[in-house]
Amino acid sequence: MVDFYPPTSPYDHGYLDTGDGNRIYYEQLGNPEGKPALHVHGGPGAGCSARPTRAWDPERYRLIRFDQRNCGRSTPHASDPAADMSLNTTQHLIDDMELLREHLGIERWLLNGASWGVSLILAYAEQHPERVSEVVVAAITSTSPGELDWLYRGAGRFQPEAWDRFREGVPEEERDGDLLAAYSRLMENPDRAVRAKAAADWLAWEDAVISGEPNNSPGMYSDRTEDEQIAFVRICSHIFSNGGWFTEDQLLRGAGKLAGIPAVLVHGRHDMGGPPQTAWELAKAWPGARLHIVEDSGHAGSEEFGQLMRDAIEEFKDR
């Protein structure tokens, strides 16, 4: 059982120009000659952590972290209404990851992430399996239409008061329609106060979904500055109202392309944002994947949940 390593801060950072007006922030930690690994953050729109890392052996890993388009330190920031969301699609994000790999001179890398980060990792790996050495992921999602309908409608069966407040956050004439599209339209409103209120309403729902989970973290979604809230929800609602540009079960159907890529999947039994069914189906469809379902965890994780992730990272460092 691996313990935490001493805190490791970046030895290098920079901006990657994508050629379409976007600049992607990235940083590198650990050993420049170590095993390459890319952390892919969730949200979408959460940005990568600015904290030192402690899960990765700094002598053995070369860890890369980056802020996906329009969030974190990448520019333009989605809190700026001038940022063009039409240039932020799943394919753009996949292409950014490939551009970053080429820019850093990396042949293959381990991919690590959680939640939306899992969907993006799967989409990238199914397009570029020859570039992926291993995968370590948690809180498994495939951003399928069924998963999105559960998260933003079905889960309301467990939190009816909070879901009513979420529904009432959009104009009355849109409350019986596509709530994700309605929120996305609100996030394009030129009035910042309208955008800020819609972002707060959305994040209150996200917090409510995980509020009954064991080991949940109160305010996990809403504990952000107003600019960060606006960017997070603008990106989320944009990507999710377009279904991530995925068809139903697209990523699960494509999992056979990942045969030969070792993977560890970790998922909480009580994940209200994404029940374990997707993790179960992915593990069955992916030759070489090992699934751990953690009984004391939800979407926010737990001590055992985190330990399983660290153990997998440790296992693969010498592979």
Protein backbone atom coordinates (compact mmCIF):
# COMPACT_ATOMS: atom_id res chain seq x y z
CA MET A 1 0.00 0.00 0.00
CA VAL A 2 1.65 3.20 -1.19
CA ASP A 3 1.70 6.30 0.99
CA PHE A 4 1.78 9.91 -0.20
CA TYR A 5 5.01 11.24 -1.65
CA PRO A 6 6.44 14.61 -0.58
CA PRO A 7 4.70 17.54 -2.31
CA THR A 8 5.96 18.09 -5.86
CA SER A 9 5.55 21.40 -7.68
CA PRO A 10 5.98 22.02 -11.44
CA TYR A 11 9.48 22.18 -12.89
CA ASP A 12 8.13 23.56 -16.16
CA HIS A 13 4.99 25.33 -17.42
CA GLY A 14 3.84 27.09 -20.55
CA TYR A 15 1.09 27.79 -23.04
CA LEU A 16 0.28 25.79 -26.15
CA ASP A 17 -1.09 27.83 -29.07
CA THR A 18 -3.78 25.77 -30.82
CA GLY A 19 -3.88 27.99 -33.90
CA ASP A 20 -7.51 29.05 -33.51
CA GLY A 21 -7.13 31.75 -30.87
CA ASN A 22 -6.98 29.38 -27.89
CA ARG A 23 -3.95 28.98 -25.62
CA ILE A 24 -3.79 25.87 -23.43
CA TYR A 25 -1.96 26.09 -20.11
CA TYR A 26 0.17 23.06 -19.19
CA GLU A 27 2.73 22.17 -16.55
CA GLN A 28 5.14 19.32 -15.87
CA LEU A 29 6.03 17.79 -12.51
CA GLY A 30 8.40 15.09 -11.31
CA ASN A 31 11.29 13.70 -13.36
CA PRO A 32 11.79 15.05 -16.91
CA GLU A 33 13.19 11.64 -17.83
CA GLY A 34 10.43 9.70 -16.06
CA LYS A 35 7.44 7.75 -17.34
CA PRO A 36 5.04 10.21 -19.02
CA ALA A 37 1.55 10.52 -17.52
CA LEU A 38 -1.22 12.98 -18.34
CA HIS A 39 -3.85 14.02 -15.81
CA VAL A 40 -7.15 14.90 -17.50
CA HIS A 41 -9.39 16.98 -15.23
CA GLY A 42 -13.14 16.74 -14.89
CA GLY A 43 -16.02 19.17 -15.00
CA PRO A 44 -15.93 19.76 -17.85
CA GLY A 45 -14.47 23.15 -17.03
CA ALA A 46 -13.03 22.47 -13.57
CA GLY A 47 -9.42 23.17 -14.54
CA CYS A 48 -6.44 21.21 -13.25
CA SER A 49 -5.44 21.45 -9.63
CA ALA A 50 -2.98 24.18 -8.69
CA ARG A 51 -1.88 22.19 -5.63
CA PRO A 52 1.36 20.19 -5.49
CA THR A 53 0.90 16.54 -6.36
CA ARG A 54 1.59 13.79 -3.82
CA ALA A 55 0.22 10.65 -5.52
CA TRP A 56 2.98 10.32 -8.13
CA ASP A 57 6.53 9.12 -7.44
CA PRO A 58 8.55 12.20 -8.43
CA GLU A 59 11.58 10.06 -9.23
CA ARG A 60 9.74 7.76 -11.63
CA TYR A 61 6.99 9.84 -13.24
CA ARG A 62 6.92 12.81 -15.59
CA LEU A 63 3.43 14.11 -14.84
CA ILE A 64 1.73 16.57 -17.16
CA ARG A 65 -1.32 18.58 -16.10
CA PHE A 66 -3.27 20.96 -18.34
CA ASP A 67 -6.32 23.20 -18.29
CA GLN A 68 -8.80 22.24 -20.98
CA ARG A 69 -10.07 24.97 -23.29
CA ASN A 70 -11.53 28.12 -21.74
CA CYS A 71 -10.99 27.17 -18.08
CA GLY A 72 -8.32 27.40 -15.40
CA ARG A 73 -5.35 29.32 -16.77
CA SER A 74 -6.15 28.61 -20.43
CA THR A 75 -7.32 31.54 -22.53
CA PRO A 76 -9.72 32.96 -23.49
CA HIS A 77 -11.58 32.17 -20.24
CA ALA A 78 -15.22 31.11 -20.51
CA SER A 79 -16.20 33.76 -17.96
CA ASP A 80 -15.54 36.23 -20.80
CA PRO A 81 -18.65 36.29 -23.01
CA ALA A 82 -16.41 36.87 -26.04
CA ALA A 83 -14.92 33.35 -25.71
CA ASP A 84 -16.25 31.33 -28.65
CA MET A 85 -17.82 28.12 -27.36
CA SER A 86 -18.17 26.74 -30.88
CA LEU A 87 -14.42 26.10 -30.68
CA ASN A 88 -14.85 23.97 -27.54
CA THR A 89 -16.01 20.49 -28.53
CA THR A 90 -14.86 17.03 -27.52
CA GLN A 91 -12.93 16.73 -30.78
CA HIS A 92 -11.17 20.04 -30.10
CA LEU A 93 -10.14 18.71 -26.68
CA ILE A 94 -8.86 15.43 -28.14
CA ASP A 95 -6.86 17.36 -30.73
CA ASP A 96 -5.42 19.60 -27.97
CA MET A 97 -4.21 16.52 -26.11
CA GLU A 98 -2.50 15.20 -29.25
CA LEU A 99 -0.95 18.61 -29.96
CA LEU A 100 0.37 18.73 -26.40
CA ARG A 101 1.83 15.21 -26.67
CA GLU A 102 3.63 16.15 -29.88
CA HIS A 103 4.79 19.48 -28.44
CA LEU A 104 6.36 17.70 -25.45
CA GLY A 105 7.95 14.98 -27.58
CA ILE A 106 6.09 12.12 -25.86
CA GLU A 107 5.54 8.83 -27.67
CA ARG A 108 3.04 7.22 -25.26
CA TRP A 109 1.63 8.23 -21.92
CA LEU A 110 -0.43 6.91 -19.04
CA LEU A 111 -3.81 8.66 -18.82
CA ASN A 112 -5.42 9.48 -15.46
CA GLY A 113 -8.64 11.28 -14.59
CA ALA A 114 -12.12 11.14 -13.10
CA SER A 115 -15.72 11.91 -14.04
CA TRP A 116 -15.83 13.94 -17.29
CA GLY A 117 -12.09 13.32 -17.51
CA VAL A 118 -12.89 9.62 -18.00
CA SER A 119 -15.15 10.34 -20.96
CA LEU A 120 -12.46 12.49 -22.57
CA ILE A 121 -9.78 9.87 -21.87
CA LEU A 122 -11.93 7.15 -23.47
CA ALA A 123 -12.65 9.31 -26.51
CA TYR A 124 -8.95 10.13 -26.92
CA ALA A 125 -7.79 6.54 -26.36
CA GLU A 126 -10.29 5.11 -28.84
CA GLN A 127 -8.96 7.52 -31.49
CA HIS A 128 -5.29 7.13 -30.54
CA PRO A 129 -4.84 3.75 -28.78
CA GLU A 130 -1.22 3.54 -29.93
CA ARG A 131 -0.45 6.63 -27.82
CA VAL A 132 -1.75 5.22 -24.53
CA SER A 133 0.39 3.02 -22.26
CA GLU A 134 -2.03 2.54 -19.32
CA VAL A 135 -5.19 4.11 -17.91
CA VAL A 136 -6.08 4.85 -14.27
CA VAL A 137 -9.55 6.38 -13.89
CA ALA A 138 -12.24 6.91 -11.28
CA ALA A 139 -15.92 7.91 -11.14
CA ILE A 140 -16.50 6.35 -14.53
CA THR A 141 -18.68 8.25 -17.01
CA SER A 142 -19.20 7.99 -20.75
CA THR A 143 -21.37 11.15 -21.06
CA SER A 144 -24.04 9.16 -22.86
CA PRO A 145 -27.53 10.64 -23.31
CA GLY A 146 -28.82 8.19 -20.71
CA GLU A 147 -26.21 9.25 -18.14
CA LEU A 148 -26.96 12.94 -18.72
CA ASP A 149 -30.70 12.34 -18.39
CA TRP A 150 -30.05 10.58 -15.08
CA LEU A 151 -27.80 13.30 -13.67
CA TYR A 152 -29.98 16.27 -14.61
CA ARG A 153 -33.43 14.68 -14.34
CA GLY A 154 -33.58 11.15 -12.96
CA ALA A 155 -31.54 11.89 -9.84
CA GLY A 156 -34.24 14.40 -8.93
CA ARG A 157 -36.22 11.46 -7.56
CA PHE A 158 -33.80 11.47 -4.62
CA GLN A 159 -33.55 15.25 -4.29
CA PRO A 160 -36.98 16.54 -5.43
CA GLU A 161 -36.75 19.89 -3.62
CA ALA A 162 -33.33 20.67 -5.10
CA TRP A 163 -34.36 19.46 -8.55
CA ASP A 164 -37.40 21.74 -8.52
CA ARG A 165 -35.09 24.66 -7.72
CA PHE A 166 -32.80 23.58 -10.58
CA ARG A 167 -35.76 23.39 -12.97
CA GLU A 168 -37.07 26.76 -11.81
CA GLY A 169 -33.72 28.33 -12.68
CA VAL A 170 -34.69 28.49 -16.36
CA PRO A 171 -37.53 30.54 -17.93
CA GLU A 172 -40.97 29.08 -17.19
CA GLU A 173 -41.68 28.24 -20.82
CA GLU A 174 -38.55 26.05 -20.95
CA ARG A 175 -39.00 24.07 -17.73
CA ASP A 176 -40.66 21.09 -19.40
CA GLY A 177 -38.12 20.97 -22.22
CA ASP A 178 -34.38 20.50 -22.53
CA LEU A 179 -33.02 21.95 -19.28
CA LEU A 180 -29.39 21.59 -20.38
CA ALA A 181 -30.01 23.61 -23.53
CA ALA A 182 -31.97 26.18 -21.53
CA TYR A 183 -29.09 26.63 -19.11
CA SER A 184 -26.63 26.85 -22.01
CA ARG A 185 -28.68 29.70 -23.47
CA LEU A 186 -28.68 31.47 -20.10
CA MET A 187 -24.90 31.16 -19.96
CA GLU A 188 -24.66 33.06 -23.25
CA ASN A 189 -26.75 35.97 -21.92
CA PRO A 190 -24.87 39.28 -22.23
CA ASP A 191 -25.96 40.24 -18.69
CA ARG A 192 -23.35 38.94 -16.24
CA ALA A 193 -25.91 38.84 -13.42
CA VAL A 194 -28.03 36.41 -15.44
CA ARG A 195 -25.01 34.21 -16.10
CA ALA A 196 -23.90 34.30 -12.47
CA LYS A 197 -27.35 33.32 -11.18
CA ALA A 198 -27.67 30.46 -13.69
CA ALA A 199 -24.21 29.20 -12.71
CA ALA A 200 -25.08 29.30 -9.00
CA ASP A 201 -28.37 27.45 -9.62
CA TRP A 202 -26.62 24.76 -11.66
CA LEU A 203 -23.86 24.24 -9.08
CA ALA A 204 -26.39 24.09 -6.24
CA TRP A 205 -27.96 21.13 -8.06
CA GLU A 206 -24.58 19.44 -8.53
CA ASP A 207 -23.88 19.82 -4.81
CA ALA A 208 -27.32 18.45 -3.95
CA VAL A 209 -26.81 15.32 -6.05
CA ILE A 210 -23.79 14.20 -4.00
CA SER A 211 -25.05 15.54 -0.66
CA GLY A 212 -26.38 12.17 0.52
CA GLU A 213 -23.29 10.18 -0.42
CA PRO A 214 -20.96 8.74 2.23
CA ASN A 215 -17.83 10.86 2.60
CA ASN A 216 -19.29 13.66 0.50
CA SER A 217 -17.67 17.09 0.40
CA PRO A 218 -20.20 19.92 1.01
CA GLY A 219 -19.86 22.66 -1.58
CA MET A 220 -17.59 20.52 -3.77
CA TYR A 221 -18.95 22.14 -6.92
CA SER A 222 -19.98 25.61 -5.76
CA ASP A 223 -16.82 26.43 -3.78
CA ARG A 224 -15.35 28.51 -6.60
CA THR A 225 -14.91 32.19 -7.42
CA GLU A 226 -17.70 33.73 -9.49
CA ASP A 227 -15.55 33.74 -12.65
CA GLU A 228 -14.74 30.06 -12.10
CA GLN A 229 -18.42 29.24 -11.52
CA ILE A 230 -19.46 31.01 -14.71
CA ALA A 231 -16.76 29.30 -16.76
CA PHE A 232 -17.48 25.87 -15.28
CA VAL A 233 -21.22 26.01 -15.98
CA ARG A 234 -20.86 27.68 -19.37
CA ILE A 235 -18.57 24.86 -20.51
CA CYS A 236 -20.61 22.11 -18.80
CA SER A 237 -23.93 23.25 -20.21
CA HIS A 238 -22.43 23.75 -23.68
CA ILE A 239 -20.83 20.30 -23.84
CA PHE A 240 -23.67 18.45 -22.10
CA SER A 241 -26.47 20.13 -24.08
CA ASN A 242 -24.71 18.70 -27.13
CA GLY A 243 -24.48 15.27 -25.49
CA GLY A 244 -20.69 15.52 -25.58
CA TRP A 245 -21.14 14.91 -29.33
CA PHE A 246 -21.47 11.22 -28.46
CA THR A 247 -24.15 8.78 -29.50
CA GLU A 248 -25.71 6.45 -26.91
CA ASP A 249 -23.09 3.97 -25.69
CA GLN A 250 -20.55 5.18 -28.29
CA LEU A 251 -17.60 4.96 -25.89
CA LEU A 252 -18.69 1.59 -24.52
CA ARG A 253 -19.09 0.19 -28.03
CA GLY A 254 -15.60 1.40 -28.89
CA ALA A 255 -13.93 -0.10 -25.83
CA GLY A 256 -12.73 -3.11 -27.80
CA LYS A 257 -10.20 -0.78 -29.46
CA LEU A 258 -8.50 -0.52 -26.06
CA ALA A 259 -7.57 -4.22 -25.88
CA GLY A 260 -3.97 -4.48 -24.75
CA ILE A 261 -4.04 -1.26 -22.73
CA PRO A 262 -3.99 -2.16 -19.01
CA ALA A 263 -6.50 -0.17 -17.00
CA VAL A 264 -7.68 0.24 -13.43
CA LEU A 265 -11.23 1.56 -12.96
CA VAL A 266 -12.40 2.79 -9.54
CA HIS A 267 -16.04 3.64 -8.85
CA GLY A 268 -18.10 4.36 -5.76
CA ARG A 269 -21.06 2.08 -5.07
CA HIS A 270 -23.14 5.09 -3.97
CA ASP A 271 -22.22 7.47 -6.81
CA MET A 272 -25.45 9.41 -7.30
CA GLY A 273 -24.05 11.44 -10.18
CA GLY A 274 -23.15 8.33 -12.14
CA PRO A 275 -24.40 4.95 -10.87
CA PRO A 276 -21.99 1.99 -11.22
CA GLN A 277 -23.69 0.50 -14.30
CA THR A 278 -21.43 2.34 -16.77
CA ALA A 279 -18.28 1.25 -14.92
CA TRP A 280 -19.52 -2.33 -14.91
CA GLU A 281 -20.33 -2.30 -18.63
CA LEU A 282 -17.01 -0.66 -19.50
CA ALA A 283 -15.02 -3.26 -17.55
CA LYS A 284 -16.85 -6.04 -19.41
CA ALA A 285 -16.19 -4.41 -22.79
CA TRP A 286 -12.51 -3.57 -22.18
CA PRO A 287 -10.13 -6.55 -22.30
CA GLY A 288 -7.48 -5.91 -19.68
CA ALA A 289 -9.47 -3.53 -17.46
CA ARG A 290 -9.84 -4.19 -13.71
CA LEU A 291 -12.79 -2.65 -11.90
CA HIS A 292 -12.91 -1.84 -8.18
CA ILE A 293 -16.32 -0.84 -6.80
CA VAL A 294 -15.82 0.89 -3.45
CA GLU A 295 -18.58 0.29 -0.93
CA ASP A 296 -18.05 3.40 1.24
CA SER A 297 -17.79 5.87 -1.64
CA GLY A 298 -19.84 8.04 -3.94
CA HIS A 299 -18.72 10.48 -6.62
CA ALA A 300 -16.63 12.44 -4.12
CA GLY A 301 -14.52 9.40 -3.23
CA SER A 302 -13.24 8.07 0.09
CA GLU A 303 -9.97 7.00 1.69
CA GLU A 304 -10.16 3.52 0.15
CA PHE A 305 -11.16 5.04 -3.21
CA GLY A 306 -8.07 7.28 -3.21
CA GLN A 307 -5.82 4.47 -2.02
CA LEU A 308 -6.86 2.25 -4.93
CA MET A 309 -5.99 5.06 -7.35
CA ARG A 310 -2.56 5.59 -5.74
CA ASP A 311 -1.88 1.85 -5.74
CA ALA A 312 -2.63 1.65 -9.48
CA ILE A 313 -0.39 4.63 -10.22
CA GLU A 314 2.36 2.96 -8.19
CA GLU A 315 1.83 -0.39 -9.94
CA PHE A 316 2.34 1.11 -13.39
CA LYS A 317 5.36 3.33 -12.66
CA ASP A 318 7.90 0.66 -13.65
CA ARG A 319 5.90 -0.91 -16.47
